C-alpha atoms as a PDB file:
ATOM      1  CA  UNK A   1     -14.019  -9.506  -5.807  1.00  0.00           C
ATOM      2  CA  UNK A   2      -9.802  -8.051  -4.256  1.00  0.00           C
ATOM      3  CA  UNK A   3     -10.231 -11.582  -2.497  1.00  0.00           C
ATOM      4  CA  UNK A   4     -11.176 -13.628  -5.220  1.00  0.00           C
ATOM      5  CA  UNK A   5      -8.198 -12.377  -7.405  1.00  0.00           C
ATOM      6  CA  UNK A   6      -6.148 -12.571  -4.052  1.00  0.00           C
ATOM      7  CA  UNK A   7      -6.849 -16.253  -3.042  1.00  0.00           C
ATOM      8  CA  UNK A   8      -6.583 -16.764  -7.594  1.00  0.00           C
ATOM      9  CA  UNK A   9      -2.626 -16.655  -6.898  1.00  0.00           C
ATOM     10  CA  UNK A  10      -0.282 -19.053  -6.690  1.00  0.00           C
ATOM     11  CA  UNK A  11       0.548 -19.660  -2.665  1.00  0.00           C
ATOM     12  CA  UNK A  12       4.194 -19.737  -2.520  1.00  0.00           C
ATOM     13  CA  UNK A  13       4.489 -16.308  -5.461  1.00  0.00           C
ATOM     14  CA  UNK A  14       2.480 -14.503  -2.757  1.00  0.00           C
ATOM     15  CA  UNK A  15       3.999 -15.295   0.815  1.00  0.00           C
ATOM     16  CA  UNK A  16       7.776 -14.064  -0.772  1.00  0.00           C
ATOM     17  CA  UNK A  17       6.184 -10.958  -2.376  1.00  0.00           C
ATOM     18  CA  UNK A  18       4.826 -10.450   1.969  1.00  0.00           C
ATOM     19  CA  UNK A  19       8.152 -11.490   2.746  1.00  0.00           C
ATOM     20  CA  UNK A  20       9.766  -8.735  -0.199  1.00  0.00           C
ATOM     21  CA  UNK A  21       7.182  -6.199   0.688  1.00  0.00           C
ATOM     22  CA  UNK A  22       8.051  -6.216   4.326  1.00  0.00           C
ATOM     23  CA  UNK A  23      11.671  -5.595   4.134  1.00  0.00           C
ATOM     24  CA  UNK A  24      11.864  -2.686   1.533  1.00  0.00           C
ATOM     25  CA  UNK A  25      10.803   0.283   3.194  1.00  0.00           C
ATOM     26  CA  UNK A  26      11.927   4.597   1.006  1.00  0.00           C
ATOM     27  CA  UNK A  27      11.538   6.303   3.585  1.00  0.00           C
ATOM     28  CA  UNK A  28      14.419   7.650   3.479  1.00  0.00           C
ATOM     29  CA  UNK A  29      14.514   8.915   0.155  1.00  0.00           C
ATOM     30  CA  UNK A  30      11.320  10.078   1.029  1.00  0.00           C
ATOM     31  CA  UNK A  31      12.676  13.585   0.699  1.00  0.00           C
ATOM     32  CA  UNK A  32      14.076  12.710  -2.887  1.00  0.00           C
ATOM     33  CA  UNK A  33      10.775  12.925  -4.400  1.00  0.00           C
ATOM     34  CA  UNK A  34      10.468  16.257  -6.280  1.00  0.00           C
ATOM     35  CA  UNK A  35       6.676  16.455  -7.903  1.00  0.00           C
ATOM     36  CA  UNK A  36       3.490  18.048  -6.793  1.00  0.00           C
ATOM     37  CA  UNK A  37       2.448  14.495  -4.286  1.00  0.00           C
ATOM     38  CA  UNK A  38      -1.188  12.974  -3.833  1.00  0.00           C
ATOM     39  CA  UNK A  39      -1.471  10.712  -0.530  1.00  0.00           C
ATOM     40  CA  UNK A  40      -4.784   8.852  -1.089  1.00  0.00           C
ATOM     41  CA  UNK A  41      -6.083   6.899   2.827  1.00  0.00           C
ATOM     42  CA  UNK A  42      -9.163   4.902   3.159  1.00  0.00           C
ATOM     43  CA  UNK A  43     -10.170   6.026   6.941  1.00  0.00           C
ATOM     44  CA  UNK A  44     -10.953   3.202   8.018  1.00  0.00           C
ATOM     45  CA  UNK A  45      -8.219   1.251   5.633  1.00  0.00           C
ATOM     46  CA  UNK A  46      -7.833  -2.069   8.154  1.00  0.00           C
ATOM     47  CA  UNK A  47      -4.839  -3.366   6.058  1.00  0.00           C
ATOM     48  CA  UNK A  48      -2.295   0.267   6.483  1.00  0.00           C
ATOM     49  CA  UNK A  49      -2.357   2.149   9.237  1.00  0.00           C
ATOM     50  CA  UNK A  50      -2.957   5.652   9.240  1.00  0.00           C
ATOM     51  CA  UNK A  51      -0.271   7.246  10.560  1.00  0.00           C
ATOM     52  CA  UNK A  52       1.616   5.465   7.322  1.00  0.00           C
ATOM     53  CA  UNK A  53       0.752   8.109   5.086  1.00  0.00           C
ATOM     54  CA  UNK A  54       0.644  10.692   7.562  1.00  0.00           C
ATOM     55  CA  UNK A  55       3.579   9.396   6.915  1.00  0.00           C
ATOM     56  CA  UNK A  56       4.820   9.608   2.619  1.00  0.00           C
ATOM     57  CA  UNK A  57       2.697  12.944   3.278  1.00  0.00           C
ATOM     58  CA  UNK A  58       4.804  14.399   5.824  1.00  0.00           C
ATOM     59  CA  UNK A  59       7.979  13.113   4.210  1.00  0.00           C
ATOM     60  CA  UNK A  60       7.240  14.196   0.420  1.00  0.00           C
ATOM     61  CA  UNK A  61       8.135  17.181  -0.056  1.00  0.00           C
ATOM     62  CA  UNK A  62       5.661  18.595  -1.650  1.00  0.00           C
ATOM     63  CA  UNK A  63       3.026  16.383  -0.672  1.00  0.00           C
ATOM     64  CA  UNK A  64      -0.697  16.270   0.212  1.00  0.00           C
ATOM     65  CA  UNK A  65      -2.711  13.720   1.898  1.00  0.00           C
ATOM     66  CA  UNK A  66      -6.403  12.802   1.482  1.00  0.00           C
ATOM     67  CA  UNK A  67      -8.504  11.102   3.858  1.00  0.00           C
ATOM     68  CA  UNK A  68     -11.254   9.516   2.884  1.00  0.00           C
ATOM     69  CA  UNK A  69     -14.057   9.334   5.046  1.00  0.00           C
ATOM     70  CA  UNK A  70     -15.461   6.471   5.801  1.00  0.00           C
ATOM     71  CA  UNK A  71     -12.912   4.363   2.565  1.00  0.00           C
ATOM     72  CA  UNK A  72     -11.676   0.579   3.383  1.00  0.00           C
ATOM     73  CA  UNK A  73      -8.117  -0.556   1.689  1.00  0.00           C
ATOM     74  CA  UNK A  74      -9.357  -0.996  -1.344  1.00  0.00           C
ATOM     75  CA  UNK A  75     -11.407   3.224  -1.669  1.00  0.00           C
ATOM     76  CA  UNK A  76     -10.914   3.513  -4.658  1.00  0.00           C
ATOM     77  CA  UNK A  77     -14.275   0.664  -5.735  1.00  0.00           C
ATOM     78  CA  UNK A  78     -15.708   1.121  -2.852  1.00  0.00           C
ATOM     79  CA  UNK A  79     -15.665   5.489  -2.983  1.00  0.00           C
ATOM     80  CA  UNK A  80     -15.074   5.499  -6.270  1.00  0.00           C
ATOM     81  CA  UNK A  81     -16.550   9.016  -6.567  1.00  0.00           C
ATOM     82  CA  UNK A  82     -14.333  10.528  -3.477  1.00  0.00           C
ATOM     83  CA  UNK A  83     -11.551   9.123  -4.333  1.00  0.00           C
ATOM     84  CA  UNK A  84     -12.133  10.416  -8.663  1.00  0.00           C
ATOM     85  CA  UNK A  85     -13.021  14.011  -7.077  1.00  0.00           C
END
């Protein structure tokens, strides 16, 4: 389903979005987040490495990290119950 959604987008727009995402870096501002934050990551995410989730959780003062073992990048669809819990 996710592949179909991505494939249906205009390729030139997707390229520009990808370039913008690569340029955007908010790490220096993570400490400004003052709300309790839950960082959720899939233990087998092939799109965003797990060390990124650890970096987010370390950078946000009130963050907690929850890793859903066996889940990939689409964990909200593939591991719904664990994600909601």
